[in-house]
Protein backbone atom coordinates (compact mmCIF):
# COMPACT_ATOMS: atom_id res chain seq x y z
CA MET A 1 4.26 -35.75 -30.72
CA VAL A 2 4.23 -32.69 -28.52
CA SER A 3 4.64 -29.37 -29.81
CA GLN A 4 6.67 -26.68 -28.27
CA SER A 5 3.77 -24.60 -27.45
CA GLN A 6 2.47 -27.05 -25.22
CA ILE A 7 5.27 -27.31 -23.12
CA HIS A 8 4.49 -24.01 -22.05
CA ASN A 9 1.19 -22.90 -21.22
CA ARG A 10 0.29 -19.48 -21.81
CA LEU A 11 -2.42 -17.14 -20.22
CA VAL A 12 -3.30 -13.49 -20.88
CA LYS A 13 -5.49 -11.14 -18.67
CA PHE A 14 -7.20 -7.93 -19.74
CA ASN A 15 -8.08 -5.93 -16.56
CA ILE A 16 -9.87 -2.77 -15.57
CA GLY A 17 -9.15 -1.44 -11.97
CA PHE A 18 -8.62 0.98 -8.99
CA THR A 19 -5.06 2.35 -8.20
CA SER A 20 -3.22 3.01 -4.97
CA GLU A 21 -1.75 6.01 -7.28
CA GLN A 22 -5.06 7.91 -7.69
CA VAL A 23 -5.63 7.28 -3.89
CA ASN A 24 -2.47 8.81 -2.64
CA PHE A 25 -2.27 11.60 -5.04
CA LYS A 26 -6.03 12.74 -4.05
CA ASN A 27 -5.13 12.63 -0.48
CA ASP A 28 -1.81 14.51 -1.16
CA ILE A 29 -3.59 16.88 -2.92
CA LEU A 30 -6.37 17.53 -0.25
CA ASN A 31 -3.73 17.97 2.37
CA TYR A 32 -1.72 20.49 0.45
CA ASN A 33 -5.00 22.30 -0.76
CA ASP A 34 -5.85 22.68 3.34
CA THR A 35 -2.73 25.03 3.77
CA SER A 36 -1.82 26.68 0.28
CA ASN A 37 -2.90 29.59 -1.50
CA ARG A 38 -2.20 27.97 -4.76
CA GLN A 39 -4.33 24.99 -5.23
CA PHE A 40 -4.22 21.83 -7.04
CA GLU A 41 -7.45 20.44 -8.66
CA PHE A 42 -8.28 16.87 -9.35
CA VAL A 43 -10.32 17.33 -12.36
CA SER A 44 -11.02 13.87 -13.87
CA LYS A 45 -9.97 10.00 -13.93
CA SER A 46 -10.27 6.86 -15.58
CA PRO A 47 -10.05 3.42 -14.11
CA SER A 48 -6.80 1.80 -14.63
CA LEU A 49 -6.61 -0.59 -17.85
CA SER A 50 -3.95 -3.41 -17.89
CA TYR A 51 -2.84 -6.11 -19.89
CA THR A 52 -0.63 -9.17 -18.67
CA HIS A 53 0.76 -12.02 -20.53
CA GLU A 54 1.67 -15.00 -18.43
CA ILE A 55 3.86 -18.16 -19.01
CA LEU A 56 2.99 -21.13 -16.85
CA LEU A 57 6.18 -23.02 -15.78
CA GLY A 58 4.51 -26.48 -14.60
CA ASN A 59 1.73 -26.75 -12.30
CA VAL A 60 2.59 -24.18 -9.64
CA PHE A 61 4.74 -21.53 -10.75
CA SER A 62 4.70 -18.98 -13.39
CA VAL A 63 6.26 -15.49 -14.56
CA SER A 64 4.08 -12.71 -16.19
CA GLY A 65 4.65 -9.22 -17.51
CA LYS A 66 2.08 -6.38 -17.00
CA LEU A 67 1.43 -3.09 -18.66
CA GLY A 68 -0.90 -0.83 -17.29
CA PHE A 69 -2.44 2.69 -18.13
CA GLN A 70 -4.33 5.58 -16.16
CA TYR A 71 -5.40 8.92 -17.08
CA LEU A 72 -5.59 11.63 -14.42
CA ASN A 73 -6.21 14.74 -15.24
CA ILE A 74 -5.00 17.30 -12.69
CA PHE A 75 -4.38 20.88 -12.74
CA TYR A 76 -2.13 23.39 -10.60
CA ASP A 77 -2.86 26.84 -9.89
CA ASN A 78 -5.18 26.79 -13.00
CA GLN A 79 -2.51 25.20 -15.16
CA HIS A 80 -2.45 21.73 -16.63
CA TYR A 81 -0.16 19.61 -14.21
CA GLY A 82 -0.46 16.36 -15.04
CA SER A 83 -2.25 13.66 -16.80
CA PRO A 84 -1.57 9.92 -17.70
CA LEU A 85 0.41 7.40 -15.92
CA ILE A 86 1.87 4.06 -17.15
CA TYR A 87 3.28 1.27 -15.26
CA GLY A 88 4.81 -1.96 -15.81
CA SER A 89 6.13 -5.06 -13.97
CA LEU A 90 7.44 -8.45 -14.00
CA ASN A 91 5.72 -10.82 -11.93
CA PRO A 92 6.81 -14.41 -10.36
CA ALA A 93 3.78 -16.13 -9.13
CA VAL A 94 2.84 -19.27 -7.16
CA SER A 95 -0.58 -20.86 -7.43
CA VAL A 96 -1.41 -22.18 -4.06
CA PHE A 97 -4.79 -23.85 -5.02
CA TYR A 98 -6.10 -25.11 -8.49
CA ASN A 99 -8.99 -27.49 -8.99
CA GLY A 100 -9.44 -26.98 -12.97
CA LYS A 101 -11.79 -24.14 -12.70
CA PHE A 102 -10.85 -22.27 -9.68
CA GLU A 103 -7.50 -21.07 -8.95
CA TYR A 104 -6.16 -19.06 -6.26
CA TYR A 105 -2.62 -17.34 -6.63
CA VAL A 106 0.11 -15.04 -4.94
CA LYS A 107 2.55 -13.38 -6.94
CA LEU A 108 5.27 -10.49 -6.61
CA GLN A 109 5.62 -7.45 -8.24
CA PHE A 110 8.79 -5.52 -9.39
CA GLY A 111 8.25 -2.83 -12.00
CA ALA A 112 8.15 0.89 -12.59
CA ILE A 113 5.87 3.93 -12.65
CA TYR A 114 6.41 6.64 -14.96
CA ARG A 115 3.97 9.87 -14.37
CA PHE A 116 3.41 12.39 -17.23
CA ASN A 117 3.46 15.58 -15.12
CA ASP A 118 5.06 19.21 -15.22
CA PRO A 119 7.31 19.45 -12.22
CA ASP A 120 8.50 22.77 -13.59
CA LEU A 121 4.90 24.20 -12.31
CA LEU A 122 6.31 23.46 -8.84
CA SER A 123 8.36 25.18 -6.45
CA GLY A 124 9.88 25.11 -3.10
CA VAL A 125 8.29 22.54 -0.81
CA THR A 126 5.60 21.58 -3.27
CA GLU A 127 8.44 19.88 -5.58
CA ARG A 128 9.23 17.79 -2.78
CA LEU A 129 5.78 16.59 -2.19
CA PHE A 130 4.54 15.81 -5.06
CA PRO A 131 6.18 13.15 -7.75
CA ASP A 132 8.17 14.17 -11.10
CA ASP A 133 8.30 13.10 -14.27
CA LYS A 134 11.00 10.53 -13.50
CA PRO A 135 10.52 6.52 -13.41
CA GLN A 136 9.56 5.22 -10.07
CA PHE A 137 10.44 1.73 -9.00
CA PHE A 138 8.29 -0.46 -6.84
CA ALA A 139 7.98 -3.81 -5.29
CA GLY A 140 4.35 -4.80 -4.66
CA VAL A 141 2.56 -8.19 -3.59
CA THR A 142 -0.61 -9.88 -4.95
CA LEU A 143 -2.14 -11.20 -1.91
CA GLY A 144 -5.46 -12.41 -3.58
CA GLY A 145 -5.43 -13.74 -7.13
CA PHE A 146 -8.38 -15.46 -8.08
CA ASN A 147 -8.97 -16.92 -11.95
CA TYR A 148 -12.28 -18.71 -12.42
CA TYR A 149 -12.86 -20.54 -15.72
CA PHE A 150 -16.30 -20.78 -17.13
CA THR A 151 -14.91 -22.50 -20.28
CA ASP A 152 -11.87 -24.38 -21.07
CA LYS A 153 -10.15 -21.17 -22.34
CA LEU A 154 -12.12 -17.97 -20.87
CA GLY A 155 -12.71 -16.84 -17.34
CA LEU A 156 -12.49 -13.97 -14.97
CA ASN A 157 -9.84 -12.44 -12.97
CA LEU A 158 -9.72 -10.83 -9.57
CA GLU A 159 -6.82 -9.31 -8.00
CA LEU A 160 -6.01 -7.76 -4.40
CA SER A 161 -2.50 -6.23 -4.31
CA ILE A 162 -0.58 -3.91 -2.24
CA TRP A 163 2.61 -1.78 -2.42
CA SER A 164 1.64 -1.79 -6.21
CA PRO A 165 0.11 0.90 -8.38
CA GLU A 166 -2.93 -1.45 -8.80
CA LEU A 167 -5.09 -2.00 -5.63
CA LEU A 168 -8.00 -3.91 -7.26
CA THR A 169 -8.71 -5.04 -10.74
CA PHE A 170 -11.14 -7.10 -12.26
CA GLY A 171 -11.01 -8.79 -15.99
CA LEU A 172 -10.86 -11.40 -18.32
CA SER A 173 -8.37 -14.38 -18.57
CA TYR A 174 -7.66 -16.38 -21.42
CA ARG A 175 -5.60 -19.52 -21.69
CA PHE A 176 -4.23 -20.48 -24.97
CA PHE A 177 -3.79 -24.19 -23.55
CA ARG A 178 -5.36 -26.35 -21.20
CA GLY A 179 -3.81 -29.49 -20.36
CA GLU A 180 -0.95 -31.18 -18.21
CA ILE A 181 2.96 -30.97 -18.66
CA PRO A 182 4.11 -33.54 -20.68
CA SER A 183 5.71 -36.89 -19.38
CA ILE A 184 9.40 -37.37 -19.71
CA GLN A 185 8.69 -39.74 -22.54
CA GLU A 186 6.64 -37.47 -24.70
CA LEU A 187 9.53 -34.69 -24.09
CA GLN A 188 12.14 -37.15 -25.23
CA GLU A 189 10.35 -37.54 -28.65
CA LEU A 190 11.06 -33.78 -29.20
């Protein structure tokens, strides 16, 4: 008899990465500081950390949810302006190539970013140039998603994305179930 957990394979990923948010924000700060008396200071940053839970719907399609975090320590005119940002997304994916140990996939990303900034410090033109503390929505694409499994359940993951908060991430993948989709006969026995 096939259990309910065998119908849907599950996969979790823990990744560390590099975000487009830190690149864009740093460039905006450099451009602003060139022409202003009041200066931004990009004090420190951490790599992004994310957790993904994925449900595989057959051999080709999957749907995942992702939550991520990055710490950015930013000061404006010697006052603390902002620090962390969090993001989450819902991601349908298609597995382009899979041979048991190696997988290449592409996926869409639909989500939101929330920045913990203090927009009250900014005034006038500066407010329009820098994001406030409201959620912003995004639609991104993972052009290169790769899983390589060195055991039946544990593997490495690499993703290269555009138009999403994460640019490049690397981490661990863990499969909860490895196997084929049950046959129609096996499903009828449920």
